[in-house]
N, C-alpha and C. Protein backbone atom coordinates (compact mmCIF):
# COMPACT_ATOMS: atom_id res chain seq x y z
N MET A 1 91.57 192.00 171.00
CA MET A 1 91.11 191.35 169.79
C MET A 1 92.33 190.88 169.01
N SER A 2 92.62 189.64 169.10
CA SER A 2 93.80 189.13 168.42
C SER A 2 93.60 189.15 166.91
N GLY A 3 94.67 189.55 166.22
CA GLY A 3 94.63 189.54 164.77
C GLY A 3 93.92 190.72 164.13
N THR A 4 93.31 191.58 164.93
CA THR A 4 92.58 192.70 164.37
C THR A 4 93.29 193.99 164.76
N THR A 5 93.56 194.80 163.77
CA THR A 5 94.19 196.09 164.02
C THR A 5 93.17 197.19 163.76
N TRP A 6 93.00 198.02 164.74
CA TRP A 6 92.08 199.14 164.59
C TRP A 6 92.88 200.34 164.14
N PRO A 7 92.40 201.08 163.13
CA PRO A 7 93.12 202.28 162.70
C PRO A 7 93.19 203.29 163.82
N SER A 8 94.29 203.99 163.90
CA SER A 8 94.46 204.98 164.96
C SER A 8 94.55 206.37 164.37
N GLN A 9 93.90 207.29 165.02
CA GLN A 9 93.95 208.68 164.59
C GLN A 9 94.88 209.49 165.48
N GLY A 10 95.44 208.87 166.51
CA GLY A 10 96.34 209.58 167.40
C GLY A 10 95.58 210.50 168.33
N ASP A 11 96.33 211.38 168.97
CA ASP A 11 95.73 212.33 169.90
C ASP A 11 95.13 213.49 169.12
N GLY A 12 94.27 214.23 169.80
CA GLY A 12 93.69 215.39 169.16
C GLY A 12 92.22 215.50 169.41
N ASP A 13 91.51 215.93 168.40
CA ASP A 13 90.08 216.16 168.48
C ASP A 13 89.36 214.87 168.86
N PRO A 14 88.60 214.91 169.99
CA PRO A 14 87.90 213.70 170.42
C PRO A 14 86.93 213.16 169.37
N GLU A 15 86.34 214.03 168.55
CA GLU A 15 85.41 213.57 167.52
C GLU A 15 86.14 212.83 166.41
N GLN A 16 87.44 213.07 166.27
CA GLN A 16 88.23 212.39 165.24
C GLN A 16 88.98 211.19 165.81
N ALA A 17 88.85 210.94 167.12
CA ALA A 17 89.59 209.86 167.76
C ALA A 17 89.18 208.50 167.21
N CYS A 18 87.95 208.35 166.77
CA CYS A 18 87.48 207.08 166.24
C CYS A 18 87.19 207.28 164.74
N PRO A 19 88.01 206.67 163.89
CA PRO A 19 87.86 206.91 162.45
C PRO A 19 86.56 206.37 161.86
N ILE A 20 85.89 205.45 162.55
CA ILE A 20 84.64 204.91 162.01
C ILE A 20 83.41 205.64 162.50
N ALA A 21 83.58 206.59 163.42
CA ALA A 21 82.42 207.31 163.97
C ALA A 21 81.54 207.96 162.89
N PRO A 22 82.11 208.62 161.88
CA PRO A 22 81.24 209.21 160.86
C PRO A 22 80.43 208.17 160.10
N VAL A 23 81.01 206.99 159.86
CA VAL A 23 80.28 205.93 159.16
C VAL A 23 79.16 205.39 160.04
N VAL A 24 79.46 205.22 161.32
CA VAL A 24 78.44 204.73 162.25
C VAL A 24 77.28 205.72 162.30
N ASP A 25 77.59 207.01 162.39
CA ASP A 25 76.54 208.04 162.41
C ASP A 25 75.73 208.01 161.12
N LEU A 26 76.39 207.82 160.00
CA LEU A 26 75.73 207.83 158.70
C LEU A 26 74.86 206.60 158.49
N VAL A 27 75.41 205.44 158.74
CA VAL A 27 74.76 204.19 158.37
C VAL A 27 73.85 203.63 159.45
N PHE A 28 74.17 203.88 160.70
CA PHE A 28 73.42 203.23 161.76
C PHE A 28 72.48 204.18 162.50
N SER A 29 72.11 205.25 161.86
CA SER A 29 71.06 206.10 162.40
C SER A 29 69.77 205.29 162.37
N ARG A 30 68.87 205.61 163.27
CA ARG A 30 67.62 204.87 163.35
C ARG A 30 66.94 204.83 161.98
N TRP A 31 66.55 203.70 161.53
CA TRP A 31 65.82 203.42 160.30
C TRP A 31 66.68 203.37 159.05
N THR A 32 67.92 203.82 159.10
CA THR A 32 68.74 203.81 157.89
C THR A 32 68.98 202.39 157.39
N THR A 33 69.41 201.50 158.26
CA THR A 33 69.71 200.15 157.80
C THR A 33 68.47 199.42 157.30
N PRO A 34 67.30 199.50 157.98
CA PRO A 34 66.13 198.82 157.40
C PRO A 34 65.72 199.38 156.03
N ILE A 35 65.84 200.68 155.85
CA ILE A 35 65.49 201.28 154.54
C ILE A 35 66.46 200.80 153.47
N LEU A 36 67.75 200.88 153.76
CA LEU A 36 68.74 200.43 152.78
C LEU A 36 68.59 198.94 152.49
N TRP A 37 68.33 198.15 153.52
CA TRP A 37 68.15 196.72 153.32
C TRP A 37 66.95 196.47 152.40
N ALA A 38 65.83 197.14 152.66
CA ALA A 38 64.62 196.94 151.85
C ALA A 38 64.87 197.33 150.40
N LEU A 39 65.56 198.44 150.17
CA LEU A 39 65.84 198.86 148.80
C LEU A 39 66.84 197.93 148.12
N HIS A 40 67.80 197.43 148.87
CA HIS A 40 68.78 196.50 148.31
C HIS A 40 68.11 195.16 147.99
N GLU A 41 67.28 194.69 148.90
CA GLU A 41 66.64 193.38 148.76
C GLU A 41 65.54 193.36 147.70
N TYR A 42 64.72 194.40 147.64
CA TYR A 42 63.53 194.40 146.78
C TYR A 42 63.63 195.35 145.59
N GLY A 43 64.71 196.11 145.50
CA GLY A 43 64.88 197.01 144.36
C GLY A 43 64.06 198.29 144.50
N ARG A 44 63.89 198.97 143.37
CA ARG A 44 63.19 200.25 143.31
C ARG A 44 61.78 200.11 143.89
N GLN A 45 61.42 201.08 144.75
CA GLN A 45 60.10 201.02 145.39
C GLN A 45 59.50 202.41 145.53
N ARG A 46 58.20 202.42 145.55
CA ARG A 46 57.48 203.66 145.85
C ARG A 46 57.41 203.82 147.37
N PHE A 47 57.08 205.03 147.79
CA PHE A 47 57.01 205.36 149.22
C PHE A 47 56.10 204.38 149.97
N VAL A 48 54.91 204.14 149.42
CA VAL A 48 53.94 203.28 150.11
C VAL A 48 54.45 201.84 150.22
N GLU A 49 55.22 201.40 149.26
CA GLU A 49 55.79 200.04 149.34
C GLU A 49 56.80 199.96 150.49
N LEU A 50 57.64 200.96 150.58
CA LEU A 50 58.59 201.00 151.70
C LEU A 50 57.86 201.08 153.04
N GLU A 51 56.85 201.90 153.07
CA GLU A 51 56.05 202.07 154.29
C GLU A 51 55.43 200.73 154.72
N ARG A 52 54.96 199.94 153.77
CA ARG A 52 54.38 198.63 154.09
C ARG A 52 55.42 197.65 154.60
N ARG A 53 56.62 197.72 154.06
CA ARG A 53 57.69 196.81 154.49
C ARG A 53 58.21 197.17 155.87
N LEU A 54 58.20 198.45 156.20
CA LEU A 54 58.72 198.93 157.48
C LEU A 54 57.53 199.37 158.34
N VAL A 55 56.76 198.42 158.79
CA VAL A 55 55.43 198.68 159.33
C VAL A 55 55.40 199.62 160.54
N THR A 56 56.48 199.73 161.30
CA THR A 56 56.42 200.57 162.50
C THR A 56 56.98 201.98 162.29
N ILE A 57 57.41 202.28 161.08
CA ILE A 57 57.93 203.64 160.82
C ILE A 57 56.76 204.56 160.47
N THR A 58 56.84 205.80 160.94
CA THR A 58 55.80 206.76 160.60
C THR A 58 56.12 207.39 159.24
N PRO A 59 55.10 207.87 158.53
CA PRO A 59 55.37 208.52 157.23
C PRO A 59 56.34 209.71 157.37
N LYS A 60 56.20 210.46 158.44
CA LYS A 60 57.08 211.62 158.65
C LYS A 60 58.54 211.19 158.79
N VAL A 61 58.78 210.16 159.58
CA VAL A 61 60.15 209.69 159.78
C VAL A 61 60.70 209.05 158.51
N LEU A 62 59.87 208.29 157.79
CA LEU A 62 60.32 207.70 156.54
C LEU A 62 60.72 208.80 155.56
N THR A 63 59.92 209.84 155.46
CA THR A 63 60.24 210.97 154.59
C THR A 63 61.57 211.60 154.99
N GLN A 64 61.75 211.85 156.29
CA GLN A 64 63.00 212.47 156.77
C GLN A 64 64.21 211.60 156.46
N ARG A 65 64.09 210.30 156.73
CA ARG A 65 65.23 209.40 156.51
C ARG A 65 65.54 209.29 155.01
N LEU A 66 64.51 209.18 154.16
CA LEU A 66 64.75 209.10 152.73
C LEU A 66 65.44 210.37 152.21
N ARG A 67 65.02 211.52 152.70
CA ARG A 67 65.67 212.78 152.29
C ARG A 67 67.13 212.79 152.70
N GLN A 68 67.41 212.33 153.92
CA GLN A 68 68.80 212.31 154.40
C GLN A 68 69.63 211.32 153.59
N LEU A 69 69.07 210.16 153.32
CA LEU A 69 69.78 209.15 152.53
C LEU A 69 70.03 209.63 151.10
N GLU A 70 69.07 210.38 150.55
CA GLU A 70 69.27 210.98 149.22
C GLU A 70 70.39 212.01 149.28
N ARG A 71 70.36 212.83 150.31
CA ARG A 71 71.41 213.86 150.48
C ARG A 71 72.78 213.22 150.63
N ASP A 72 72.84 212.09 151.34
CA ASP A 72 74.11 211.39 151.56
C ASP A 72 74.58 210.59 150.35
N GLY A 73 73.73 210.50 149.32
CA GLY A 73 74.10 209.80 148.11
C GLY A 73 73.87 208.30 148.17
N LEU A 74 73.12 207.83 149.17
CA LEU A 74 72.88 206.40 149.32
C LEU A 74 71.58 205.94 148.67
N VAL A 75 70.67 206.89 148.43
CA VAL A 75 69.38 206.59 147.83
C VAL A 75 69.13 207.59 146.70
N LEU A 76 68.56 207.09 145.62
CA LEU A 76 68.18 207.94 144.49
C LEU A 76 66.66 208.06 144.47
N ARG A 77 66.18 209.29 144.37
CA ARG A 77 64.74 209.56 144.28
C ARG A 77 64.45 209.97 142.84
N THR A 78 63.49 209.29 142.23
CA THR A 78 63.11 209.61 140.86
C THR A 78 61.65 210.05 140.84
N TYR A 79 61.43 211.25 140.33
CA TYR A 79 60.08 211.81 140.22
C TYR A 79 59.61 211.62 138.78
N HIS A 80 58.43 211.02 138.63
CA HIS A 80 57.83 210.83 137.32
C HIS A 80 56.65 211.79 137.19
N ALA A 81 56.77 212.73 136.27
CA ALA A 81 55.72 213.74 136.08
C ALA A 81 54.59 213.14 135.24
N GLU A 82 53.71 212.47 135.92
CA GLU A 82 52.54 211.89 135.28
C GLU A 82 51.35 212.13 136.20
N VAL A 83 50.19 211.74 135.77
CA VAL A 83 48.99 211.96 136.58
C VAL A 83 48.46 210.59 137.01
N PRO A 84 48.42 210.32 138.31
CA PRO A 84 49.02 211.11 139.39
C PRO A 84 50.54 210.98 139.38
N PRO A 85 51.22 211.95 139.98
CA PRO A 85 52.69 211.89 140.02
C PRO A 85 53.16 210.62 140.74
N ARG A 86 54.31 210.12 140.31
CA ARG A 86 54.86 208.91 140.90
C ARG A 86 56.30 209.18 141.32
N VAL A 87 56.66 208.76 142.53
CA VAL A 87 58.02 208.91 143.04
C VAL A 87 58.52 207.53 143.42
N GLU A 88 59.73 207.21 142.98
CA GLU A 88 60.34 205.93 143.31
C GLU A 88 61.70 206.16 143.96
N TYR A 89 62.06 205.22 144.81
CA TYR A 89 63.35 205.27 145.51
C TYR A 89 64.12 204.00 145.20
N GLU A 90 65.43 204.16 145.04
CA GLU A 90 66.28 203.00 144.84
C GLU A 90 67.63 203.25 145.49
N ILE A 91 68.29 202.18 145.83
CA ILE A 91 69.62 202.30 146.44
C ILE A 91 70.62 202.64 145.33
N THR A 92 71.57 203.50 145.63
CA THR A 92 72.58 203.89 144.65
C THR A 92 73.75 202.90 144.70
N GLU A 93 74.66 203.07 143.78
CA GLU A 93 75.88 202.25 143.79
C GLU A 93 76.65 202.48 145.09
N LEU A 94 76.68 203.72 145.55
CA LEU A 94 77.34 204.01 146.82
C LEU A 94 76.65 203.26 147.96
N GLY A 95 75.34 203.25 147.96
CA GLY A 95 74.60 202.51 148.97
C GLY A 95 74.87 201.02 148.88
N ARG A 96 74.93 200.49 147.65
CA ARG A 96 75.22 199.07 147.46
C ARG A 96 76.61 198.71 147.96
N SER A 97 77.52 199.67 147.93
CA SER A 97 78.88 199.39 148.37
C SER A 97 78.94 199.07 149.86
N LEU A 98 77.86 199.32 150.58
CA LEU A 98 77.81 198.98 152.01
C LEU A 98 77.48 197.50 152.23
N ALA A 99 77.11 196.77 151.19
CA ALA A 99 76.71 195.36 151.33
C ALA A 99 77.75 194.51 152.06
N PRO A 100 79.05 194.62 151.76
CA PRO A 100 80.02 193.80 152.51
C PRO A 100 80.04 194.14 154.00
N LEU A 101 79.85 195.41 154.33
CA LEU A 101 79.80 195.80 155.74
C LEU A 101 78.61 195.12 156.43
N PHE A 102 77.44 195.19 155.78
CA PHE A 102 76.25 194.56 156.36
C PHE A 102 76.40 193.05 156.42
N ALA A 103 77.03 192.44 155.40
CA ALA A 103 77.24 190.99 155.40
C ALA A 103 78.16 190.59 156.55
N GLY A 104 79.19 191.39 156.78
CA GLY A 104 80.09 191.12 157.91
C GLY A 104 79.37 191.22 159.25
N LEU A 105 78.52 192.22 159.37
CA LEU A 105 77.75 192.37 160.61
C LEU A 105 76.76 191.22 160.79
N ALA A 106 76.15 190.78 159.69
CA ALA A 106 75.22 189.65 159.77
C ALA A 106 75.96 188.38 160.19
N GLU A 107 77.16 188.19 159.66
CA GLU A 107 77.98 187.04 160.03
C GLU A 107 78.36 187.11 161.51
N TRP A 108 78.79 188.28 161.95
CA TRP A 108 79.14 188.45 163.36
C TRP A 108 77.92 188.17 164.24
N SER A 109 76.78 188.69 163.84
CA SER A 109 75.54 188.50 164.58
C SER A 109 75.21 187.02 164.72
N ALA A 110 75.28 186.29 163.62
CA ALA A 110 74.96 184.86 163.65
C ALA A 110 75.91 184.09 164.56
N GLY A 111 77.15 184.52 164.62
CA GLY A 111 78.15 183.81 165.41
C GLY A 111 78.30 184.26 166.85
N HIS A 112 77.73 185.42 167.19
CA HIS A 112 78.02 185.98 168.51
C HIS A 112 76.82 186.44 169.33
N LEU A 113 75.68 186.68 168.71
CA LEU A 113 74.56 187.23 169.49
C LEU A 113 74.10 186.30 170.61
N ASP A 114 74.26 185.00 170.43
CA ASP A 114 73.91 184.09 171.52
C ASP A 114 74.82 184.33 172.72
N ARG A 115 76.09 184.63 172.48
CA ARG A 115 77.02 184.94 173.59
C ARG A 115 76.67 186.27 174.24
N VAL A 116 76.23 187.23 173.44
CA VAL A 116 75.79 188.52 174.00
C VAL A 116 74.59 188.30 174.91
N GLU A 117 73.63 187.52 174.44
CA GLU A 117 72.43 187.24 175.24
C GLU A 117 72.80 186.53 176.53
N GLN A 118 73.73 185.56 176.46
CA GLN A 118 74.16 184.85 177.68
C GLN A 118 74.85 185.81 178.64
N ALA A 119 75.68 186.70 178.12
CA ALA A 119 76.36 187.68 178.96
C ALA A 119 75.34 188.58 179.65
N ARG A 120 74.30 188.99 178.93
CA ARG A 120 73.25 189.81 179.54
C ARG A 120 72.55 189.07 180.66
N GLN A 121 72.22 187.80 180.41
CA GLN A 121 71.55 187.01 181.44
C GLN A 121 72.44 186.83 182.66
N ASP A 122 73.72 186.56 182.43
CA ASP A 122 74.67 186.41 183.55
C ASP A 122 74.78 187.72 184.34
N TYR A 123 74.86 188.82 183.62
CA TYR A 123 74.96 190.14 184.28
C TYR A 123 73.70 190.41 185.12
N ASP A 124 72.54 190.18 184.52
CA ASP A 124 71.28 190.45 185.21
C ASP A 124 71.08 189.54 186.42
N ALA A 125 71.69 188.36 186.42
CA ALA A 125 71.54 187.42 187.52
C ALA A 125 72.50 187.71 188.68
N ARG A 126 73.48 188.53 188.46
CA ARG A 126 74.46 188.84 189.52
C ARG A 126 73.81 189.63 190.64
N PRO A 127 74.28 189.41 191.89
CA PRO A 127 73.78 190.25 192.98
C PRO A 127 74.23 191.70 192.76
N ARG A 128 73.38 192.60 193.12
CA ARG A 128 73.69 194.03 192.96
C ARG A 128 74.60 194.50 194.09
N VAL A 129 75.70 195.08 193.69
CA VAL A 129 76.66 195.62 194.63
C VAL A 129 76.78 197.11 194.33
N PRO A 130 76.71 197.97 195.36
CA PRO A 130 76.84 199.41 195.08
C PRO A 130 78.16 199.69 194.36
N ARG A 131 78.08 200.57 193.41
CA ARG A 131 79.26 200.93 192.62
C ARG A 131 79.79 202.28 193.04
N GLY A 132 81.07 202.37 193.13
CA GLY A 132 81.73 203.66 193.33
C GLY A 132 82.18 204.19 192.01
N ARG A 133 82.76 205.33 192.01
CA ARG A 133 83.26 205.87 190.74
C ARG A 133 84.48 205.21 190.34
């Protein structure tokens, strides 16, 4: 990759070999990016509103992901003690700070996913040759 320098952690613990691994685990867990995107795009929402926007997520998984995102400081949960009780979720300032990362990924996607798809088609069209180790 010309012009791009990847940070190096040197030798040592394999889990620390890649400095972005903790961010990837945090941000790119299943459902995290769609939840953060929905909260960033549409603002504060109730559980059912999020559930409607993310039509294939189960209530159990949405609950688990929201709890984890709250624990990580990326989502704020506000409980309103009224009848019936109301709970709202919103992205925090820390969560909003991920916007440039997502914008960069969206830009990369727009400029490169067609090449990824072509590479997949080329790979799938190749004759199969037994592989050794």
